[in-house]
Amino acid sequence: EADCPDKLCVKQGKVRKVGQSLICLPNKVVVEVVSKKSDDKSAVDA
């Protein structure tokens, strides 16, 4: 479920492979599949 207007994140389907992601741009949410757990909540991507 999502409360964003276009619901594209809901339509993206299921992910399980490393590097796959689910993205909701209006809510600024990114769910990314990784192999190792990262506890660093201040990690910088770029």
All heavy atoms as atom14 arrays in JSON, in Angstrom:
{
  "sequence": "EADCPDKLCVKQGKVRKVGQSLICLPNKVVVEVVSKKSDDKSAVDA",
  "atom14_mask": [
    [1, 1, 1, 1, 1, 1, 1, 1, 1, 0, 0, 0, 0, 0],
    [1, 1, 1, 1, 1, 0, 0, 0, 0, 0, 0, 0, 0, 0],
    [1, 1, 1, 1, 1, 1, 1, 1, 0, 0, 0, 0, 0, 0],
    [1, 1, 1, 1, 1, 1, 0, 0, 0, 0, 0, 0, 0, 0],
    [1, 1, 1, 1, 1, 1, 1, 0, 0, 0, 0, 0, 0, 0],
    [1, 1, 1, 1, 1, 1, 1, 1, 0, 0, 0, 0, 0, 0],
    [1, 1, 1, 1, 1, 1, 1, 1, 1, 0, 0, 0, 0, 0],
    [1, 1, 1, 1, 1, 1, 1, 1, 0, 0, 0, 0, 0, 0],
    [1, 1, 1, 1, 1, 1, 0, 0, 0, 0, 0, 0, 0, 0],
    [1, 1, 1, 1, 1, 1, 1, 0, 0, 0, 0, 0, 0, 0],
    [1, 1, 1, 1, 1, 1, 1, 1, 1, 0, 0, 0, 0, 0],
    [1, 1, 1, 1, 1, 1, 1, 1, 1, 0, 0, 0, 0, 0],
    [1, 1, 1, 1, 0, 0, 0, 0, 0, 0, 0, 0, 0, 0],
    [1, 1, 1, 1, 1, 1, 1, 1, 1, 0, 0, 0, 0, 0],
    [1, 1, 1, 1, 1, 1, 1, 0, 0, 0, 0, 0, 0, 0],
    [1, 1, 1, 1, 1, 1, 1, 1, 1, 1, 1, 0, 0, 0],
    [1, 1, 1, 1, 1, 1, 1, 1, 1, 0, 0, 0, 0, 0],
    [1, 1, 1, 1, 1, 1, 1, 0, 0, 0, 0, 0, 0, 0],
    [1, 1, 1, 1, 0, 0, 0, 0, 0, 0, 0, 0, 0, 0],
    [1, 1, 1, 1, 1, 1, 1, 1, 1, 0, 0, 0, 0, 0],
    [1, 1, 1, 1, 1, 1, 0, 0, 0, 0, 0, 0, 0, 0],
    [1, 1, 1, 1, 1, 1, 1, 1, 0, 0, 0, 0, 0, 0],
    [1, 1, 1, 1, 1, 1, 1, 1, 0, 0, 0, 0, 0, 0],
    [1, 1, 1, 1, 1, 1, 0, 0, 0, 0, 0, 0, 0, 0],
    [1, 1, 1, 1, 1, 1, 1, 1, 0, 0, 0, 0, 0, 0],
    [1, 1, 1, 1, 1, 1, 1, 0, 0, 0, 0, 0, 0, 0],
    [1, 1, 1, 1, 1, 1, 1, 1, 0, 0, 0, 0, 0, 0],
    [1, 1, 1, 1, 1, 1, 1, 1, 1, 0, 0, 0, 0, 0],
    [1, 1, 1, 1, 1, 1, 1, 0, 0, 0, 0, 0, 0, 0],
    [1, 1, 1, 1, 1, 1, 1, 0, 0, 0, 0, 0, 0, 0],
    [1, 1, 1, 1, 1, 1, 1, 0, 0, 0, 0, 0, 0, 0],
    [1, 1, 1, 1, 1, 1, 1, 1, 1, 0, 0, 0, 0, 0],
    [1, 1, 1, 1, 1, 1, 1, 0, 0, 0, 0, 0, 0, 0],
    [1, 1, 1, 1, 1, 1, 1, 0, 0, 0, 0, 0, 0, 0],
    [1, 1, 1, 1, 1, 1, 0, 0, 0, 0, 0, 0, 0, 0],
    [1, 1, 1, 1, 1, 1, 1, 1, 1, 0, 0, 0, 0, 0],
    [1, 1, 1, 1, 1, 1, 1, 1, 1, 0, 0, 0, 0, 0],
    [1, 1, 1, 1, 1, 1, 0, 0, 0, 0, 0, 0, 0, 0],
    [1, 1, 1, 1, 1, 1, 1, 1, 0, 0, 0, 0, 0, 0],
    [1, 1, 1, 1, 1, 1, 1, 1, 0, 0, 0, 0, 0, 0],
    [1, 1, 1, 1, 1, 1, 1, 1, 1, 0, 0, 0, 0, 0],
    [1, 1, 1, 1, 1, 1, 0, 0, 0, 0, 0, 0, 0, 0],
    [1, 1, 1, 1, 1, 0, 0, 0, 0, 0, 0, 0, 0, 0],
    [1, 1, 1, 1, 1, 1, 1, 0, 0, 0, 0, 0, 0, 0],
    [1, 1, 1, 1, 1, 1, 1, 1, 0, 0, 0, 0, 0, 0],
    [1, 1, 1, 1, 1, 0, 0, 0, 0, 0, 0, 0, 0, 0]
  ],
  "atom14_positions": [
    [[0.84, -1.2, 0.0], [0.0, 0.0, 0.0], [0.87, 1.24, 0.0], [1.98, 1.22, 0.53], [-0.86, 0.06, 1.26], [-1.87, -1.03, 1.41], [-2.58, -0.94, 2.76], [-2.71, 0.18, 3.3], [-2.97, -2.0, 3.27], [0.0, 0.0, 0.0], [0.0, 0.0, 0.0], [0.0, 0.0, 0.0], [0.0, 0.0, 0.0], [0.0, 0.0, 0.0]],
    [[0.35, 2.31, -0.57], [1.02, 3.61, -0.53], [-0.02, 4.7, -0.67], [-1.04, 4.51, -1.32], [2.04, 3.7, -1.66], [0.0, 0.0, 0.0], [0.0, 0.0, 0.0], [0.0, 0.0, 0.0], [0.0, 0.0, 0.0], [0.0, 0.0, 0.0], [0.0, 0.0, 0.0], [0.0, 0.0, 0.0], [0.0, 0.0, 0.0], [0.0, 0.0, 0.0]],
    [[0.25, 5.84, -0.04], [-0.7, 6.95, -0.15], [-0.25, 7.97, -1.2], [-0.83, 9.04, -1.3], [-0.92, 7.62, 1.2], [0.32, 8.28, 1.75], [1.4, 8.17, 1.13], [0.23, 8.91, 2.82], [0.0, 0.0, 0.0], [0.0, 0.0, 0.0], [0.0, 0.0, 0.0], [0.0, 0.0, 0.0], [0.0, 0.0, 0.0], [0.0, 0.0, 0.0]],
    [[0.74, 7.62, -2.01], [1.16, 8.51, -3.08], [0.12, 8.51, -4.2], [-0.64, 7.55, -4.34], [2.55, 8.1, -3.6], [2.64, 6.41, -4.18], [0.0, 0.0, 0.0], [0.0, 0.0, 0.0], [0.0, 0.0, 0.0], [0.0, 0.0, 0.0], [0.0, 0.0, 0.0], [0.0, 0.0, 0.0], [0.0, 0.0, 0.0], [0.0, 0.0, 0.0]],
    [[0.08, 9.56, -5.02], [-0.99, 9.66, -6.02], [-0.91, 8.63, -7.15], [-1.95, 8.15, -7.61], [-0.84, 11.07, -6.58], [0.44, 11.61, -6.07], [0.9, 10.75, -4.95], [0.0, 0.0, 0.0], [0.0, 0.0, 0.0], [0.0, 0.0, 0.0], [0.0, 0.0, 0.0], [0.0, 0.0, 0.0], [0.0, 0.0, 0.0], [0.0, 0.0, 0.0]],
    [[0.28, 8.25, -7.6], [0.37, 7.38, -8.77], [0.47, 5.89, -8.45], [0.24, 5.06, -9.31], [1.54, 7.79, -9.66], [2.86, 7.82, -8.91], [2.94, 7.3, -7.78], [3.83, 8.38, -9.46], [0.0, 0.0, 0.0], [0.0, 0.0, 0.0], [0.0, 0.0, 0.0], [0.0, 0.0, 0.0], [0.0, 0.0, 0.0], [0.0, 0.0, 0.0]],
    [[0.84, 5.53, -7.25], [0.95, 4.13, -6.79], [1.91, 3.29, -7.65], [1.78, 2.08, -7.74], [-0.42, 3.45, -6.78], [-1.5, 4.22, -6.04], [-1.58, 3.79, -4.6], [-2.81, 4.33, -3.93], [-2.66, 5.64, -3.36], [0.0, 0.0, 0.0], [0.0, 0.0, 0.0], [0.0, 0.0, 0.0], [0.0, 0.0, 0.0], [0.0, 0.0, 0.0]],
    [[2.91, 3.93, -8.26], [3.87, 3.19, -9.07], [4.69, 2.22, -8.22], [5.07, 1.14, -8.68], [4.81, 4.14, -9.82], [4.18, 4.93, -10.95], [5.18, 5.91, -11.55], [3.64, 4.0, -12.02], [0.0, 0.0, 0.0], [0.0, 0.0, 0.0], [0.0, 0.0, 0.0], [0.0, 0.0, 0.0], [0.0, 0.0, 0.0], [0.0, 0.0, 0.0]],
    [[4.96, 2.59, -6.98], [5.74, 1.71, -6.1], [5.0, 0.41, -5.83], [5.61, -0.65, -5.69], [6.09, 2.42, -4.8], [4.67, 3.14, -3.95], [0.0, 0.0, 0.0], [0.0, 0.0, 0.0], [0.0, 0.0, 0.0], [0.0, 0.0, 0.0], [0.0, 0.0, 0.0], [0.0, 0.0, 0.0], [0.0, 0.0, 0.0], [0.0, 0.0, 0.0]],
    [[3.69, 0.45, -5.78], [2.89, -0.75, -5.55], [2.93, -1.64, -6.79], [2.94, -2.87, -6.7], [1.43, -0.37, -5.2], [0.56, -1.6, -5.06], [1.39, 0.47, -3.92], [0.0, 0.0, 0.0], [0.0, 0.0, 0.0], [0.0, 0.0, 0.0], [0.0, 0.0, 0.0], [0.0, 0.0, 0.0], [0.0, 0.0, 0.0], [0.0, 0.0, 0.0]],
    [[3.01, -1.02, -7.96], [2.99, -1.76, -9.23], [4.35, -2.33, -9.62], [4.45, -3.06, -10.6], [2.49, -0.84, -10.34], [1.08, -0.35, -10.12], [0.69, 0.68, -11.15], [-0.65, 1.29, -10.8], [-0.99, 2.41, -11.7], [0.0, 0.0, 0.0], [0.0, 0.0, 0.0], [0.0, 0.0, 0.0], [0.0, 0.0, 0.0], [0.0, 0.0, 0.0]],
    [[5.42, -2.01, -8.86], [6.76, -2.47, -9.22], [6.96, -3.96, -9.02], [7.9, -4.53, -9.57], [7.82, -1.69, -8.43], [7.94, -0.27, -8.89], [8.95, 0.51, -8.06], [9.75, -0.03, -7.32], [8.9, 1.81, -8.21], [0.0, 0.0, 0.0], [0.0, 0.0, 0.0], [0.0, 0.0, 0.0], [0.0, 0.0, 0.0], [0.0, 0.0, 0.0]],
    [[6.13, -4.59, -8.24], [6.24, -6.03, -8.05], [7.15, -6.4, -6.89], [7.42, -5.6, -6.01], [0.0, 0.0, 0.0], [0.0, 0.0, 0.0], [0.0, 0.0, 0.0], [0.0, 0.0, 0.0], [0.0, 0.0, 0.0], [0.0, 0.0, 0.0], [0.0, 0.0, 0.0], [0.0, 0.0, 0.0], [0.0, 0.0, 0.0], [0.0, 0.0, 0.0]],
    [[7.65, -7.64, -6.92], [8.45, -8.18, -5.83], [9.93, -8.15, -6.18], [10.29, -8.32, -7.33], [8.0, -9.61, -5.54], [6.55, -9.68, -5.1], [6.11, -11.11, -4.87], [4.64, -11.15, -4.44], [4.15, -12.49, -4.22], [0.0, 0.0, 0.0], [0.0, 0.0, 0.0], [0.0, 0.0, 0.0], [0.0, 0.0, 0.0], [0.0, 0.0, 0.0]],
    [[10.75, -7.96, -5.15], [12.21, -7.97, -5.32], [12.83, -8.96, -4.35], [12.32, -9.17, -3.25], [12.83, -6.57, -5.11], [12.36, -5.6, -6.17], [12.53, -6.01, -3.73], [0.0, 0.0, 0.0], [0.0, 0.0, 0.0], [0.0, 0.0, 0.0], [0.0, 0.0, 0.0], [0.0, 0.0, 0.0], [0.0, 0.0, 0.0], [0.0, 0.0, 0.0]],
    [[13.95, -9.58, -4.79], [14.68, -10.49, -3.92], [16.16, -10.57, -4.26], [16.95, -11.06, -3.49], [14.06, -11.88, -3.96], [14.26, -12.62, -5.26], [13.82, -14.07, -5.14], [14.05, -14.77, -6.37], [13.18, -14.93, -7.35], [11.97, -14.42, -7.22], [13.48, -15.57, -8.44], [0.0, 0.0, 0.0], [0.0, 0.0, 0.0], [0.0, 0.0, 0.0]],
    [[16.55, -10.09, -5.43], [17.94, -10.16, -5.88], [18.71, -8.93, -5.4], [18.18, -7.82, -5.34], [18.01, -10.22, -7.41], [17.27, -11.38, -8.03], [18.07, -12.62, -7.97], [17.36, -13.74, -8.73], [18.0, -15.0, -8.56], [0.0, 0.0, 0.0], [0.0, 0.0, 0.0], [0.0, 0.0, 0.0], [0.0, 0.0, 0.0], [0.0, 0.0, 0.0]],
    [[19.99, -9.13, -5.07], [20.84, -8.04, -4.62], [20.87, -6.94, -5.68], [21.03, -7.23, -6.87], [22.28, -8.54, -4.34], [23.21, -7.39, -4.05], [22.29, -9.54, -3.18], [0.0, 0.0, 0.0], [0.0, 0.0, 0.0], [0.0, 0.0, 0.0], [0.0, 0.0, 0.0], [0.0, 0.0, 0.0], [0.0, 0.0, 0.0], [0.0, 0.0, 0.0]],
    [[20.65, -5.72, -5.26], [20.66, -4.57, -6.16], [19.28, -4.15, -6.64], [19.11, -3.04, -7.12], [0.0, 0.0, 0.0], [0.0, 0.0, 0.0], [0.0, 0.0, 0.0], [0.0, 0.0, 0.0], [0.0, 0.0, 0.0], [0.0, 0.0, 0.0], [0.0, 0.0, 0.0], [0.0, 0.0, 0.0], [0.0, 0.0, 0.0], [0.0, 0.0, 0.0]],
    [[18.28, -5.02, -6.52], [16.93, -4.62, -6.91], [16.37, -3.66, -5.87], [16.75, -3.7, -4.7], [16.01, -5.84, -7.01], [16.31, -6.74, -8.19], [15.33, -7.9, -8.25], [15.0, -8.52, -7.24], [14.87, -8.21, -9.46], [0.0, 0.0, 0.0], [0.0, 0.0, 0.0], [0.0, 0.0, 0.0], [0.0, 0.0, 0.0], [0.0, 0.0, 0.0]],
    [[15.46, -2.8, -6.31], [14.9, -1.83, -5.37], [13.46, -1.5, -5.71], [13.0, -1.7, -6.83], [15.74, -0.55, -5.36], [15.8, 0.01, -6.64], [0.0, 0.0, 0.0], [0.0, 0.0, 0.0], [0.0, 0.0, 0.0], [0.0, 0.0, 0.0], [0.0, 0.0, 0.0], [0.0, 0.0, 0.0], [0.0, 0.0, 0.0], [0.0, 0.0, 0.0]],
    [[12.78, -1.0, -4.7], [11.42, -0.47, -4.83], [11.52, 1.01, -4.48], [12.09, 1.37, -3.45], [10.48, -1.17, -3.85], [10.39, -2.69, -3.98], [9.7, -3.28, -2.76], [9.64, -3.06, -5.24], [0.0, 0.0, 0.0], [0.0, 0.0, 0.0], [0.0, 0.0, 0.0], [0.0, 0.0, 0.0], [0.0, 0.0, 0.0], [0.0, 0.0, 0.0]],
    [[10.95, 1.86, -5.32], [11.13, 3.29, -5.12], [9.78, 4.0, -5.17], [8.98, 3.79, -6.07], [12.05, 3.88, -6.21], [13.42, 3.19, -6.14], [12.18, 5.39, -6.08], [14.32, 3.49, -7.3], [0.0, 0.0, 0.0], [0.0, 0.0, 0.0], [0.0, 0.0, 0.0], [0.0, 0.0, 0.0], [0.0, 0.0, 0.0], [0.0, 0.0, 0.0]],
    [[9.55, 4.85, -4.18], [8.38, 5.72, -4.14], [8.89, 7.16, -4.11], [9.29, 7.66, -3.05], [7.52, 5.43, -2.92], [6.04, 6.45, -2.85], [0.0, 0.0, 0.0], [0.0, 0.0, 0.0], [0.0, 0.0, 0.0], [0.0, 0.0, 0.0], [0.0, 0.0, 0.0], [0.0, 0.0, 0.0], [0.0, 0.0, 0.0], [0.0, 0.0, 0.0]],
    [[8.92, 7.8, -5.26], [9.47, 9.16, -5.34], [8.67, 10.19, -4.54], [9.27, 11.0, -3.84], [9.59, 9.6, -6.8], [10.72, 8.95, -7.59], [10.69, 9.43, -9.04], [12.06, 9.24, -6.97], [0.0, 0.0, 0.0], [0.0, 0.0, 0.0], [0.0, 0.0, 0.0], [0.0, 0.0, 0.0], [0.0, 0.0, 0.0], [0.0, 0.0, 0.0]],
    [[7.33, 10.19, -4.6], [6.6, 11.21, -3.84], [6.88, 11.13, -2.33], [6.97, 12.16, -1.66], [5.14, 10.9, -4.13], [5.14, 10.17, -5.43], [6.41, 9.39, -5.44], [0.0, 0.0, 0.0], [0.0, 0.0, 0.0], [0.0, 0.0, 0.0], [0.0, 0.0, 0.0], [0.0, 0.0, 0.0], [0.0, 0.0, 0.0], [0.0, 0.0, 0.0]],
    [[7.05, 9.92, -1.8], [7.3, 9.76, -0.36], [8.78, 9.67, -0.03], [9.14, 9.5, 1.13], [6.57, 8.54, 0.17], [5.07, 8.7, 0.11], [4.55, 9.81, -0.01], [4.34, 7.6, 0.19], [0.0, 0.0, 0.0], [0.0, 0.0, 0.0], [0.0, 0.0, 0.0], [0.0, 0.0, 0.0], [0.0, 0.0, 0.0], [0.0, 0.0, 0.0]],
    [[9.64, 9.74, -1.06], [11.1, 9.68, -0.9], [11.55, 8.41, -0.19], [12.42, 8.42, 0.67], [11.61, 10.93, -0.18], [11.32, 12.2, -0.95], [11.85, 13.42, -0.26], [11.5, 14.65, -1.08], [11.9, 15.87, -0.43], [0.0, 0.0, 0.0], [0.0, 0.0, 0.0], [0.0, 0.0, 0.0], [0.0, 0.0, 0.0], [0.0, 0.0, 0.0]],
    [[10.95, 7.28, -0.58], [11.25, 5.98, 0.02], [11.97, 5.11, -1.0], [11.54, 5.01, -2.15], [9.95, 5.28, 0.48], [10.23, 3.84, 0.92], [9.29, 6.06, 1.6], [0.0, 0.0, 0.0], [0.0, 0.0, 0.0], [0.0, 0.0, 0.0], [0.0, 0.0, 0.0], [0.0, 0.0, 0.0], [0.0, 0.0, 0.0], [0.0, 0.0, 0.0]],
    [[13.07, 4.48, -0.57], [13.79, 3.51, -1.39], [14.0, 2.27, -0.54], [14.56, 2.35, 0.56], [15.15, 4.06, -1.87], [15.92, 2.99, -2.65], [14.97, 5.3, -2.71], [0.0, 0.0, 0.0], [0.0, 0.0, 0.0], [0.0, 0.0, 0.0], [0.0, 0.0, 0.0], [0.0, 0.0, 0.0], [0.0, 0.0, 0.0], [0.0, 0.0, 0.0]],
    [[13.56, 1.13, -1.04], [13.76, -0.15, -0.39], [14.71, -0.93, -1.29], [14.36, -1.25, -2.42], [12.44, -0.92, -0.2], [12.68, -2.26, 0.44], [11.45, -0.09, 0.63], [0.0, 0.0, 0.0], [0.0, 0.0, 0.0], [0.0, 0.0, 0.0], [0.0, 0.0, 0.0], [0.0, 0.0, 0.0], [0.0, 0.0, 0.0], [0.0, 0.0, 0.0]],
    [[15.92, -1.23, -0.8], [16.93, -1.88, -1.62], [17.33, -3.22, -1.02], [17.53, -3.34, 0.18], [18.17, -1.0, -1.74], [19.24, -1.59, -2.63], [20.46, -0.7, -2.75], [20.56, 0.3, -2.01], [21.32, -1.02, -3.59], [0.0, 0.0, 0.0], [0.0, 0.0, 0.0], [0.0, 0.0, 0.0], [0.0, 0.0, 0.0], [0.0, 0.0, 0.0]],
    [[17.46, -4.24, -1.89], [17.89, -5.57, -1.46], [19.41, -5.57, -1.37], [20.1, -5.17, -2.3], [17.4, -6.66, -2.44], [17.87, -8.02, -1.99], [15.89, -6.62, -2.58], [0.0, 0.0, 0.0], [0.0, 0.0, 0.0], [0.0, 0.0, 0.0], [0.0, 0.0, 0.0], [0.0, 0.0, 0.0], [0.0, 0.0, 0.0], [0.0, 0.0, 0.0]],
    [[19.92, -6.02, -0.22], [21.36, -6.09, 0.01], [21.73, -7.47, 0.55], [20.87, -8.21, 1.04], [21.83, -4.99, 1.0], [21.64, -3.61, 0.4], [21.12, -5.09, 2.32], [0.0, 0.0, 0.0], [0.0, 0.0, 0.0], [0.0, 0.0, 0.0], [0.0, 0.0, 0.0], [0.0, 0.0, 0.0], [0.0, 0.0, 0.0], [0.0, 0.0, 0.0]],
    [[23.01, -7.8, 0.49], [23.44, -9.1, 0.97], [23.86, -9.06, 2.43], [23.74, -10.04, 3.15], [24.59, -9.64, 0.12], [25.69, -8.76, 0.17], [0.0, 0.0, 0.0], [0.0, 0.0, 0.0], [0.0, 0.0, 0.0], [0.0, 0.0, 0.0], [0.0, 0.0, 0.0], [0.0, 0.0, 0.0], [0.0, 0.0, 0.0], [0.0, 0.0, 0.0]],
    [[24.38, -7.91, 2.88], [24.85, -7.79, 4.26], [24.07, -6.71, 4.99], [23.68, -5.7, 4.4], [26.34, -7.42, 4.3], [27.23, -8.49, 3.73], [28.67, -8.06, 3.81], [29.57, -9.11, 3.2], [30.96, -8.7, 3.22], [0.0, 0.0, 0.0], [0.0, 0.0, 0.0], [0.0, 0.0, 0.0], [0.0, 0.0, 0.0], [0.0, 0.0, 0.0]],
    [[23.89, -6.91, 6.27], [23.18, -5.94, 7.09], [24.09, -4.76, 7.39], [25.23, -4.94, 7.79], [22.73, -6.61, 8.39], [21.84, -5.76, 9.25], [21.34, -6.56, 10.43], [20.38, -5.76, 11.27], [19.85, -6.52, 12.38], [0.0, 0.0, 0.0], [0.0, 0.0, 0.0], [0.0, 0.0, 0.0], [0.0, 0.0, 0.0], [0.0, 0.0, 0.0]],
    [[23.58, -3.56, 7.19], [24.33, -2.36, 7.51], [23.64, -1.65, 8.65], [22.48, -1.29, 8.56], [24.4, -1.43, 6.29], [24.95, -0.2, 6.66], [0.0, 0.0, 0.0], [0.0, 0.0, 0.0], [0.0, 0.0, 0.0], [0.0, 0.0, 0.0], [0.0, 0.0, 0.0], [0.0, 0.0, 0.0], [0.0, 0.0, 0.0], [0.0, 0.0, 0.0]],
    [[24.37, -1.48, 9.75], [23.81, -0.77, 10.89], [24.16, 0.71, 10.87], [23.76, 1.46, 11.74], [24.31, -1.38, 12.2], [23.73, -2.78, 12.42], [22.58, -3.0, 12.03], [24.44, -3.62, 12.99], [0.0, 0.0, 0.0], [0.0, 0.0, 0.0], [0.0, 0.0, 0.0], [0.0, 0.0, 0.0], [0.0, 0.0, 0.0], [0.0, 0.0, 0.0]],
    [[24.95, 1.13, 9.86], [25.36, 2.51, 9.76], [24.23, 3.35, 9.21], [24.02, 3.4, 8.0], [26.61, 2.62, 8.89], [27.14, 4.03, 8.81], [26.69, 4.89, 9.6], [28.02, 4.28, 7.97], [0.0, 0.0, 0.0], [0.0, 0.0, 0.0], [0.0, 0.0, 0.0], [0.0, 0.0, 0.0], [0.0, 0.0, 0.0], [0.0, 0.0, 0.0]],
    [[23.48, 3.99, 10.06], [22.34, 4.78, 9.63], [22.74, 6.14, 9.07], [21.92, 6.89, 8.61], [21.35, 4.96, 10.77], [20.78, 3.61, 11.18], [19.63, 3.74, 12.11], [19.23, 2.39, 12.6], [17.96, 1.94, 12.19], [0.0, 0.0, 0.0], [0.0, 0.0, 0.0], [0.0, 0.0, 0.0], [0.0, 0.0, 0.0], [0.0, 0.0, 0.0]],
    [[24.05, 6.43, 9.1], [24.51, 7.7, 8.53], [25.3, 7.47, 7.25], [26.01, 8.36, 6.8], [25.38, 8.43, 9.56], [26.56, 7.68, 9.8], [0.0, 0.0, 0.0], [0.0, 0.0, 0.0], [0.0, 0.0, 0.0], [0.0, 0.0, 0.0], [0.0, 0.0, 0.0], [0.0, 0.0, 0.0], [0.0, 0.0, 0.0], [0.0, 0.0, 0.0]],
    [[25.2, 6.28, 6.68], [25.96, 5.98, 5.47], [25.57, 6.92, 4.33], [24.42, 7.26, 4.17], [25.71, 4.53, 5.04], [0.0, 0.0, 0.0], [0.0, 0.0, 0.0], [0.0, 0.0, 0.0], [0.0, 0.0, 0.0], [0.0, 0.0, 0.0], [0.0, 0.0, 0.0], [0.0, 0.0, 0.0], [0.0, 0.0, 0.0], [0.0, 0.0, 0.0]],
    [[26.58, 7.33, 3.58], [26.36, 8.25, 2.47], [26.49, 7.49, 1.17], [27.47, 6.8, 0.94], [27.38, 9.41, 2.53], [27.22, 10.32, 1.33], [27.24, 10.18, 3.82], [0.0, 0.0, 0.0], [0.0, 0.0, 0.0], [0.0, 0.0, 0.0], [0.0, 0.0, 0.0], [0.0, 0.0, 0.0], [0.0, 0.0, 0.0], [0.0, 0.0, 0.0]],
    [[25.51, 7.63, 0.29], [25.56, 7.0, -1.03], [26.4, 7.83, -1.98], [27.23, 7.32, -2.71], [24.16, 6.88, -1.62], [23.46, 5.62, -1.16], [24.14, 4.67, -0.76], [22.24, 5.61, -1.22], [0.0, 0.0, 0.0], [0.0, 0.0, 0.0], [0.0, 0.0, 0.0], [0.0, 0.0, 0.0], [0.0, 0.0, 0.0], [0.0, 0.0, 0.0]],
    [[26.15, 9.14, -2.03], [26.84, 10.01, -2.97], [26.79, 11.43, -2.48], [25.98, 11.77, -1.63], [26.18, 9.91, -4.34], [0.0, 0.0, 0.0], [0.0, 0.0, 0.0], [0.0, 0.0, 0.0], [0.0, 0.0, 0.0], [0.0, 0.0, 0.0], [0.0, 0.0, 0.0], [0.0, 0.0, 0.0], [0.0, 0.0, 0.0], [0.0, 0.0, 0.0]]
  ]
}
